[in-house]
Amino acid sequence: MQNFKINLKKETFNFAAAHLITYGAKTCEKLHGHNYRVSVMLTGELDPENGYVYDFVFIKPIIKKIVDKLDHCVLLAQYNKFLKIKEEKGQIKLFYKSKEYFFPRSDVVLLPIENTTVELLAQYINTQLYQELQVSKHGQITVLEIEVEESFGQSASFRKEY
Protein backbone atom coordinates (compact mmCIF):
# COMPACT_ATOMS: atom_id res chain seq x y z
CA MET A 1 0.00 0.00 0.00
CA GLN A 2 1.31 3.44 -0.95
CA ASN A 3 0.22 6.58 0.85
CA PHE A 4 0.28 10.01 -0.70
CA LYS A 5 -0.16 13.35 1.02
CA ILE A 6 -1.94 16.39 -0.36
CA ASN A 7 -1.69 19.90 1.09
CA LEU A 8 -4.23 22.66 0.77
CA LYS A 9 -3.60 26.23 1.86
CA LYS A 10 -5.85 28.77 0.19
CA GLU A 11 -6.82 32.38 0.84
CA THR A 12 -10.44 31.18 1.01
CA PHE A 13 -9.55 29.07 4.07
CA ASN A 14 -8.79 32.20 6.13
CA PHE A 15 -11.18 33.61 8.69
CA ALA A 16 -11.27 36.53 11.11
CA ALA A 17 -12.73 35.99 14.55
CA ALA A 18 -12.72 37.31 18.10
CA HIS A 19 -12.12 35.15 21.15
CA LEU A 20 -10.75 35.07 24.66
CA ILE A 21 -8.83 32.39 26.52
CA THR A 22 -8.99 31.53 30.19
CA TYR A 23 -5.86 30.45 32.03
CA GLY A 24 -7.40 28.54 34.85
CA ALA A 25 -9.62 30.25 37.37
CA LYS A 26 -7.29 33.22 37.85
CA THR A 27 -6.85 34.85 34.44
CA CYS A 28 -8.92 35.59 31.38
CA GLU A 29 -7.54 37.37 28.34
CA LYS A 30 -9.21 40.47 27.00
CA LEU A 31 -11.52 39.86 24.10
CA HIS A 32 -9.40 40.19 20.95
CA GLY A 33 -9.26 38.96 17.39
CA HIS A 34 -7.05 37.17 14.89
CA ASN A 35 -6.89 36.68 11.16
CA TYR A 36 -6.64 32.90 11.17
CA ARG A 37 -5.23 30.83 8.30
CA VAL A 38 -6.11 27.17 7.92
CA SER A 39 -4.02 24.54 6.15
CA VAL A 40 -5.14 20.99 5.46
CA MET A 41 -2.84 17.99 4.99
CA LEU A 42 -4.54 14.79 3.96
CA THR A 43 -2.87 11.39 3.57
CA GLY A 44 -4.42 8.43 1.84
CA GLU A 45 -4.30 5.89 -0.94
CA LEU A 46 -4.56 6.85 -4.58
CA ASP A 47 -7.90 6.38 -6.24
CA PRO A 48 -7.01 3.75 -8.87
CA GLU A 49 -9.41 5.22 -11.41
CA ASN A 50 -8.34 8.86 -11.12
CA GLY A 51 -4.83 8.81 -9.66
CA TYR A 52 -5.51 11.21 -6.79
CA VAL A 53 -5.96 10.94 -3.03
CA TYR A 54 -8.85 13.38 -2.90
CA ASP A 55 -10.26 15.62 -5.59
CA PHE A 56 -9.21 19.23 -4.86
CA VAL A 57 -12.33 20.51 -6.62
CA PHE A 58 -14.50 18.55 -4.20
CA ILE A 59 -12.65 19.20 -0.92
CA LYS A 60 -12.04 22.96 -1.21
CA PRO A 61 -15.70 23.99 -0.86
CA ILE A 62 -16.07 21.73 2.19
CA ILE A 63 -13.15 23.40 3.97
CA LYS A 64 -14.46 26.84 2.99
CA LYS A 65 -17.91 26.01 4.38
CA ILE A 66 -16.39 25.06 7.75
CA VAL A 67 -14.25 28.20 8.10
CA ASP A 68 -17.03 30.46 6.78
CA LYS A 69 -19.15 29.46 9.79
CA LEU A 70 -16.40 30.92 12.03
CA ASP A 71 -15.67 34.02 9.97
CA HIS A 72 -16.40 37.42 11.56
CA CYS A 73 -17.85 35.83 14.69
CA VAL A 74 -17.09 35.72 18.38
CA LEU A 75 -15.85 32.21 19.18
CA LEU A 76 -16.81 30.95 22.63
CA ALA A 77 -15.79 27.68 24.25
CA GLN A 78 -19.03 26.02 25.27
CA TYR A 79 -17.30 23.60 27.66
CA ASN A 80 -15.04 26.08 29.45
CA LYS A 81 -15.61 25.48 33.15
CA PHE A 82 -14.49 29.01 34.07
CA LEU A 83 -16.94 30.82 31.79
CA LYS A 84 -20.65 31.09 32.35
CA ILE A 85 -22.57 31.37 29.09
CA LYS A 86 -26.29 32.15 29.00
CA GLU A 87 -28.52 32.50 25.99
CA GLU A 88 -31.63 34.63 26.32
CA LYS A 89 -33.70 37.02 24.22
CA GLY A 90 -31.51 36.74 21.14
CA GLN A 91 -28.34 37.44 23.10
CA ILE A 92 -25.39 35.52 24.43
CA LYS A 93 -24.32 36.64 27.87
CA LEU A 94 -20.81 35.71 28.93
CA PHE A 95 -19.55 35.97 32.50
CA TYR A 96 -16.07 35.52 33.92
CA LYS A 97 -15.73 36.64 37.53
CA SER A 98 -16.71 40.36 37.49
CA LYS A 99 -16.49 40.66 33.68
CA GLU A 100 -19.71 40.62 31.66
CA TYR A 101 -20.05 40.52 27.89
CA PHE A 102 -23.24 40.72 25.81
CA PHE A 103 -23.32 39.72 22.14
CA PRO A 104 -26.07 39.34 19.56
CA ARG A 105 -26.71 35.59 19.20
CA SER A 106 -26.10 35.79 15.45
CA ASP A 107 -22.53 37.05 16.06
CA VAL A 108 -21.49 34.11 18.26
CA VAL A 109 -20.38 30.56 17.50
CA LEU A 110 -20.54 28.28 20.53
CA LEU A 111 -17.86 25.67 19.96
CA PRO A 112 -17.94 22.26 21.67
CA ILE A 113 -14.43 22.76 23.11
CA GLU A 114 -12.91 23.67 26.49
CA ASN A 115 -11.01 26.80 25.39
CA THR A 116 -10.62 28.74 22.15
CA THR A 117 -6.91 28.02 21.83
CA VAL A 118 -5.43 27.56 18.39
CA GLU A 119 -4.76 23.91 19.28
CA LEU A 120 -8.40 23.18 20.05
CA LEU A 121 -9.59 25.15 17.01
CA ALA A 122 -7.38 22.88 14.87
CA GLN A 123 -8.91 19.81 16.51
CA TYR A 124 -12.43 21.16 16.02
CA ILE A 125 -11.85 21.85 12.32
CA ASN A 126 -10.27 18.41 11.91
CA THR A 127 -13.35 16.73 13.38
CA GLN A 128 -15.75 18.80 11.29
CA LEU A 129 -13.83 18.15 8.07
CA TYR A 130 -13.50 14.43 8.69
CA GLN A 131 -17.25 14.11 9.31
CA GLU A 132 -18.02 15.95 6.07
CA LEU A 133 -15.55 13.82 4.10
CA GLN A 134 -17.02 10.60 5.50
CA VAL A 135 -20.44 11.61 4.23
CA SER A 136 -19.06 12.30 0.75
CA LYS A 137 -17.13 9.01 0.39
CA HIS A 138 -14.82 10.48 -2.25
CA GLY A 139 -11.56 8.91 -1.02
CA GLN A 140 -9.68 6.77 1.50
CA ILE A 141 -8.22 9.00 4.22
CA THR A 142 -5.62 7.53 6.55
CA VAL A 143 -4.38 10.76 8.19
CA LEU A 144 -5.92 14.21 8.43
CA GLU A 145 -3.90 17.11 9.80
CA ILE A 146 -5.15 20.65 10.30
CA GLU A 147 -2.89 23.60 11.00
CA VAL A 148 -4.37 26.86 12.25
CA GLU A 149 -2.19 29.96 12.26
CA GLU A 150 -3.41 32.84 14.42
CA SER A 151 -0.64 35.24 13.46
CA PHE A 152 2.41 34.99 11.25
CA GLY A 153 4.73 32.29 12.60
CA GLN A 154 2.37 31.29 15.41
CA SER A 155 0.30 28.18 14.75
CA ALA A 156 -0.77 24.80 16.06
CA SER A 157 -1.64 21.55 14.33
CA PHE A 158 -3.90 18.65 15.13
CA ARG A 159 -3.20 15.35 13.39
CA LYS A 160 -5.36 12.26 13.59
CA GLU A 161 -5.02 8.83 12.00
CA TYR A 162 -8.24 7.27 10.75
C-alpha atoms as a PDB file:
ATOM      1  CA  MET A   1       0.000   0.000   0.000  1.00  0.00           C
ATOM      2  CA  GLN A   2       1.310   3.439  -0.951  1.00  0.00           C
ATOM      3  CA  ASN A   3       0.221   6.577   0.849  1.00  0.00           C
ATOM      4  CA  PHE A   4       0.278  10.009  -0.699  1.00  0.00           C
ATOM      5  CA  LYS A   5      -0.158  13.354   1.023  1.00  0.00           C
ATOM      6  CA  ILE A   6      -1.939  16.387  -0.357  1.00  0.00           C
ATOM      7  CA  ASN A   7      -1.688  19.898   1.090  1.00  0.00           C
ATOM      8  CA  LEU A   8      -4.235  22.659   0.771  1.00  0.00           C
ATOM      9  CA  LYS A   9      -3.599  26.234   1.858  1.00  0.00           C
ATOM     10  CA  LYS A  10      -5.849  28.772   0.191  1.00  0.00           C
ATOM     11  CA  GLU A  11      -6.824  32.375   0.837  1.00  0.00           C
ATOM     12  CA  THR A  12     -10.440  31.184   1.013  1.00  0.00           C
ATOM     13  CA  PHE A  13      -9.546  29.069   4.072  1.00  0.00           C
ATOM     14  CA  ASN A  14      -8.794  32.200   6.131  1.00  0.00           C
ATOM     15  CA  PHE A  15     -11.185  33.611   8.688  1.00  0.00           C
ATOM     16  CA  ALA A  16     -11.267  36.535  11.109  1.00  0.00           C
ATOM     17  CA  ALA A  17     -12.735  35.989  14.553  1.00  0.00           C
ATOM     18  CA  ALA A  18     -12.722  37.308  18.102  1.00  0.00           C
ATOM     19  CA  HIS A  19     -12.121  35.153  21.152  1.00  0.00           C
ATOM     20  CA  LEU A  20     -10.749  35.068  24.658  1.00  0.00           C
ATOM     21  CA  ILE A  21      -8.832  32.395  26.517  1.00  0.00           C
ATOM     22  CA  THR A  22      -8.989  31.531  30.192  1.00  0.00           C
ATOM     23  CA  TYR A  23      -5.864  30.446  32.030  1.00  0.00           C
ATOM     24  CA  GLY A  24      -7.399  28.535  34.853  1.00  0.00           C
ATOM     25  CA  ALA A  25      -9.625  30.252  37.373  1.00  0.00           C
ATOM     26  CA  LYS A  26      -7.287  33.219  37.845  1.00  0.00           C
ATOM     27  CA  THR A  27      -6.845  34.851  34.442  1.00  0.00           C
ATOM     28  CA  CYS A  28      -8.923  35.593  31.383  1.00  0.00           C
ATOM     29  CA  GLU A  29      -7.538  37.368  28.345  1.00  0.00           C
ATOM     30  CA  LYS A  30      -9.208  40.465  26.998  1.00  0.00           C
ATOM     31  CA  LEU A  31     -11.520  39.863  24.096  1.00  0.00           C
ATOM     32  CA  HIS A  32      -9.403  40.194  20.947  1.00  0.00           C
ATOM     33  CA  GLY A  33      -9.259  38.960  17.388  1.00  0.00           C
ATOM     34  CA  HIS A  34      -7.054  37.173  14.886  1.00  0.00           C
ATOM     35  CA  ASN A  35      -6.895  36.685  11.164  1.00  0.00           C
ATOM     36  CA  TYR A  36      -6.638  32.901  11.169  1.00  0.00           C
ATOM     37  CA  ARG A  37      -5.225  30.834   8.302  1.00  0.00           C
ATOM     38  CA  VAL A  38      -6.110  27.169   7.922  1.00  0.00           C
ATOM     39  CA  SER A  39      -4.020  24.535   6.148  1.00  0.00           C
ATOM     40  CA  VAL A  40      -5.141  20.986   5.455  1.00  0.00           C
ATOM     41  CA  MET A  41      -2.838  17.989   4.995  1.00  0.00           C
ATOM     42  CA  LEU A  42      -4.545  14.788   3.957  1.00  0.00           C
ATOM     43  CA  THR A  43      -2.869  11.387   3.575  1.00  0.00           C
ATOM     44  CA  GLY A  44      -4.417   8.433   1.840  1.00  0.00           C
ATOM     45  CA  GLU A  45      -4.300   5.890  -0.936  1.00  0.00           C
ATOM     46  CA  LEU A  46      -4.558   6.850  -4.575  1.00  0.00           C
ATOM     47  CA  ASP A  47      -7.903   6.378  -6.239  1.00  0.00           C
ATOM     48  CA  PRO A  48      -7.006   3.752  -8.874  1.00  0.00           C
ATOM     49  CA  GLU A  49      -9.413   5.223 -11.415  1.00  0.00           C
ATOM     50  CA  ASN A  50      -8.344   8.856 -11.115  1.00  0.00           C
ATOM     51  CA  GLY A  51      -4.825   8.813  -9.663  1.00  0.00           C
ATOM     52  CA  TYR A  52      -5.508  11.213  -6.794  1.00  0.00           C
ATOM     53  CA  VAL A  53      -5.964  10.938  -3.026  1.00  0.00           C
ATOM     54  CA  TYR A  54      -8.851  13.378  -2.897  1.00  0.00           C
ATOM     55  CA  ASP A  55     -10.262  15.620  -5.592  1.00  0.00           C
ATOM     56  CA  PHE A  56      -9.205  19.232  -4.858  1.00  0.00           C
ATOM     57  CA  VAL A  57     -12.328  20.512  -6.615  1.00  0.00           C
ATOM     58  CA  PHE A  58     -14.500  18.552  -4.204  1.00  0.00           C
ATOM     59  CA  ILE A  59     -12.647  19.196  -0.919  1.00  0.00           C
ATOM     60  CA  LYS A  60     -12.038  22.964  -1.213  1.00  0.00           C
ATOM     61  CA  PRO A  61     -15.703  23.994  -0.861  1.00  0.00           C
ATOM     62  CA  ILE A  62     -16.073  21.731   2.185  1.00  0.00           C
ATOM     63  CA  ILE A  63     -13.151  23.403   3.969  1.00  0.00           C
ATOM     64  CA  LYS A  64     -14.458  26.836   2.993  1.00  0.00           C
ATOM     65  CA  LYS A  65     -17.913  26.007   4.377  1.00  0.00           C
ATOM     66  CA  ILE A  66     -16.395  25.058   7.748  1.00  0.00           C
ATOM     67  CA  VAL A  67     -14.255  28.200   8.103  1.00  0.00           C
ATOM     68  CA  ASP A  68     -17.028  30.457   6.783  1.00  0.00           C
ATOM     69  CA  LYS A  69     -19.151  29.462   9.793  1.00  0.00           C
ATOM     70  CA  LEU A  70     -16.402  30.917  12.034  1.00  0.00           C
ATOM     71  CA  ASP A  71     -15.669  34.023   9.974  1.00  0.00           C
ATOM     72  CA  HIS A  72     -16.402  37.416  11.562  1.00  0.00           C
ATOM     73  CA  CYS A  73     -17.847  35.833  14.688  1.00  0.00           C
ATOM     74  CA  VAL A  74     -17.091  35.722  18.376  1.00  0.00           C
ATOM     75  CA  LEU A  75     -15.855  32.208  19.180  1.00  0.00           C
ATOM     76  CA  LEU A  76     -16.809  30.953  22.632  1.00  0.00           C
ATOM     77  CA  ALA A  77     -15.791  27.680  24.253  1.00  0.00           C
ATOM     78  CA  GLN A  78     -19.028  26.023  25.274  1.00  0.00           C
ATOM     79  CA  TYR A  79     -17.303  23.597  27.663  1.00  0.00           C
ATOM     80  CA  ASN A  80     -15.036  26.081  29.445  1.00  0.00           C
ATOM     81  CA  LYS A  81     -15.606  25.479  33.150  1.00  0.00           C
ATOM     82  CA  PHE A  82     -14.487  29.007  34.065  1.00  0.00           C
ATOM     83  CA  LEU A  83     -16.938  30.817  31.790  1.00  0.00           C
ATOM     84  CA  LYS A  84     -20.651  31.095  32.348  1.00  0.00           C
ATOM     85  CA  ILE A  85     -22.575  31.371  29.088  1.00  0.00           C
ATOM     86  CA  LYS A  86     -26.290  32.149  29.004  1.00  0.00           C
ATOM     87  CA  GLU A  87     -28.525  32.501  25.993  1.00  0.00           C
ATOM     88  CA  GLU A  88     -31.634  34.633  26.319  1.00  0.00           C
ATOM     89  CA  LYS A  89     -33.702  37.021  24.216  1.00  0.00           C
ATOM     90  CA  GLY A  90     -31.507  36.735  21.144  1.00  0.00           C
ATOM     91  CA  GLN A  91     -28.340  37.444  23.095  1.00  0.00           C
ATOM     92  CA  ILE A  92     -25.393  35.520  24.427  1.00  0.00           C
ATOM     93  CA  LYS A  93     -24.322  36.643  27.872  1.00  0.00           C
ATOM     94  CA  LEU A  94     -20.808  35.706  28.929  1.00  0.00           C
ATOM     95  CA  PHE A  95     -19.549  35.973  32.497  1.00  0.00           C
ATOM     96  CA  TYR A  96     -16.065  35.517  33.922  1.00  0.00           C
ATOM     97  CA  LYS A  97     -15.726  36.643  37.535  1.00  0.00           C
ATOM     98  CA  SER A  98     -16.707  40.358  37.488  1.00  0.00           C
ATOM     99  CA  LYS A  99     -16.493  40.656  33.681  1.00  0.00           C
ATOM    100  CA  GLU A 100     -19.706  40.616  31.664  1.00  0.00           C
ATOM    101  CA  TYR A 101     -20.051  40.522  27.885  1.00  0.00           C
ATOM    102  CA  PHE A 102     -23.235  40.722  25.808  1.00  0.00           C
ATOM    103  CA  PHE A 103     -23.324  39.716  22.144  1.00  0.00           C
ATOM    104  CA  PRO A 104     -26.070  39.341  19.560  1.00  0.00           C
ATOM    105  CA  ARG A 105     -26.708  35.589  19.199  1.00  0.00           C
ATOM    106  CA  SER A 106     -26.096  35.787  15.447  1.00  0.00           C
ATOM    107  CA  ASP A 107     -22.528  37.054  16.061  1.00  0.00           C
ATOM    108  CA  VAL A 108     -21.495  34.108  18.258  1.00  0.00           C
ATOM    109  CA  VAL A 109     -20.385  30.561  17.495  1.00  0.00           C
ATOM    110  CA  LEU A 110     -20.544  28.284  20.528  1.00  0.00           C
ATOM    111  CA  LEU A 111     -17.861  25.673  19.957  1.00  0.00           C
ATOM    112  CA  PRO A 112     -17.935  22.259  21.673  1.00  0.00           C
ATOM    113  CA  ILE A 113     -14.433  22.758  23.107  1.00  0.00           C
ATOM    114  CA  GLU A 114     -12.908  23.671  26.490  1.00  0.00           C
ATOM    115  CA  ASN A 115     -11.014  26.805  25.391  1.00  0.00           C
ATOM    116  CA  THR A 116     -10.618  28.737  22.147  1.00  0.00           C
ATOM    117  CA  THR A 117      -6.912  28.016  21.830  1.00  0.00           C
ATOM    118  CA  VAL A 118      -5.435  27.557  18.386  1.00  0.00           C
ATOM    119  CA  GLU A 119      -4.761  23.906  19.282  1.00  0.00           C
ATOM    120  CA  LEU A 120      -8.398  23.181  20.054  1.00  0.00           C
ATOM    121  CA  LEU A 121      -9.585  25.146  17.013  1.00  0.00           C
ATOM    122  CA  ALA A 122      -7.377  22.883  14.870  1.00  0.00           C
ATOM    123  CA  GLN A 123      -8.910  19.808  16.509  1.00  0.00           C
ATOM    124  CA  TYR A 124     -12.432  21.163  16.021  1.00  0.00           C
ATOM    125  CA  ILE A 125     -11.846  21.854  12.316  1.00  0.00           C
ATOM    126  CA  ASN A 126     -10.267  18.406  11.908  1.00  0.00           C
ATOM    127  CA  THR A 127     -13.350  16.733  13.382  1.00  0.00           C
ATOM    128  CA  GLN A 128     -15.748  18.803  11.286  1.00  0.00           C
ATOM    129  CA  LEU A 129     -13.832  18.153   8.073  1.00  0.00           C
ATOM    130  CA  TYR A 130     -13.503  14.425   8.689  1.00  0.00           C
ATOM    131  CA  GLN A 131     -17.246  14.111   9.314  1.00  0.00           C
ATOM    132  CA  GLU A 132     -18.016  15.946   6.068  1.00  0.00           C
ATOM    133  CA  LEU A 133     -15.548  13.821   4.098  1.00  0.00           C
ATOM    134  CA  GLN A 134     -17.019  10.599   5.501  1.00  0.00           C
ATOM    135  CA  VAL A 135     -20.442  11.611   4.234  1.00  0.00           C
ATOM    136  CA  SER A 136     -19.062  12.300   0.751  1.00  0.00           C
ATOM    137  CA  LYS A 137     -17.133   9.014   0.392  1.00  0.00           C
ATOM    138  CA  HIS A 138     -14.815  10.476  -2.252  1.00  0.00           C
ATOM    139  CA  GLY A 139     -11.555   8.909  -1.025  1.00  0.00           C
ATOM    140  CA  GLN A 140      -9.677   6.770   1.499  1.00  0.00           C
ATOM    141  CA  ILE A 141      -8.225   9.004   4.218  1.00  0.00           C
ATOM    142  CA  THR A 142      -5.617   7.528   6.549  1.00  0.00           C
ATOM    143  CA  VAL A 143      -4.385  10.756   8.185  1.00  0.00           C
ATOM    144  CA  LEU A 144      -5.921  14.209   8.431  1.00  0.00           C
ATOM    145  CA  GLU A 145      -3.897  17.112   9.804  1.00  0.00           C
ATOM    146  CA  ILE A 146      -5.151  20.647  10.304  1.00  0.00           C
ATOM    147  CA  GLU A 147      -2.886  23.599  10.999  1.00  0.00           C
ATOM    148  CA  VAL A 148      -4.371  26.860  12.252  1.00  0.00           C
ATOM    149  CA  GLU A 149      -2.186  29.961  12.257  1.00  0.00           C
ATOM    150  CA  GLU A 150      -3.414  32.836  14.416  1.00  0.00           C
ATOM    151  CA  SER A 151      -0.635  35.237  13.462  1.00  0.00           C
ATOM    152  CA  PHE A 152       2.406  34.992  11.250  1.00  0.00           C
ATOM    153  CA  GLY A 153       4.734  32.292  12.604  1.00  0.00           C
ATOM    154  CA  GLN A 154       2.369  31.288  15.411  1.00  0.00           C
ATOM    155  CA  SER A 155       0.303  28.182  14.752  1.00  0.00           C
ATOM    156  CA  ALA A 156      -0.772  24.803  16.059  1.00  0.00           C
ATOM    157  CA  SER A 157      -1.639  21.546  14.331  1.00  0.00           C
ATOM    158  CA  PHE A 158      -3.896  18.649  15.131  1.00  0.00           C
ATOM    159  CA  ARG A 159      -3.195  15.346  13.391  1.00  0.00           C
ATOM    160  CA  LYS A 160      -5.364  12.259  13.592  1.00  0.00           C
ATOM    161  CA  GLU A 161      -5.021   8.832  12.004  1.00  0.00           C
ATOM    162  CA  TYR A 162      -8.235   7.270  10.746  1.00  0.00           C
END
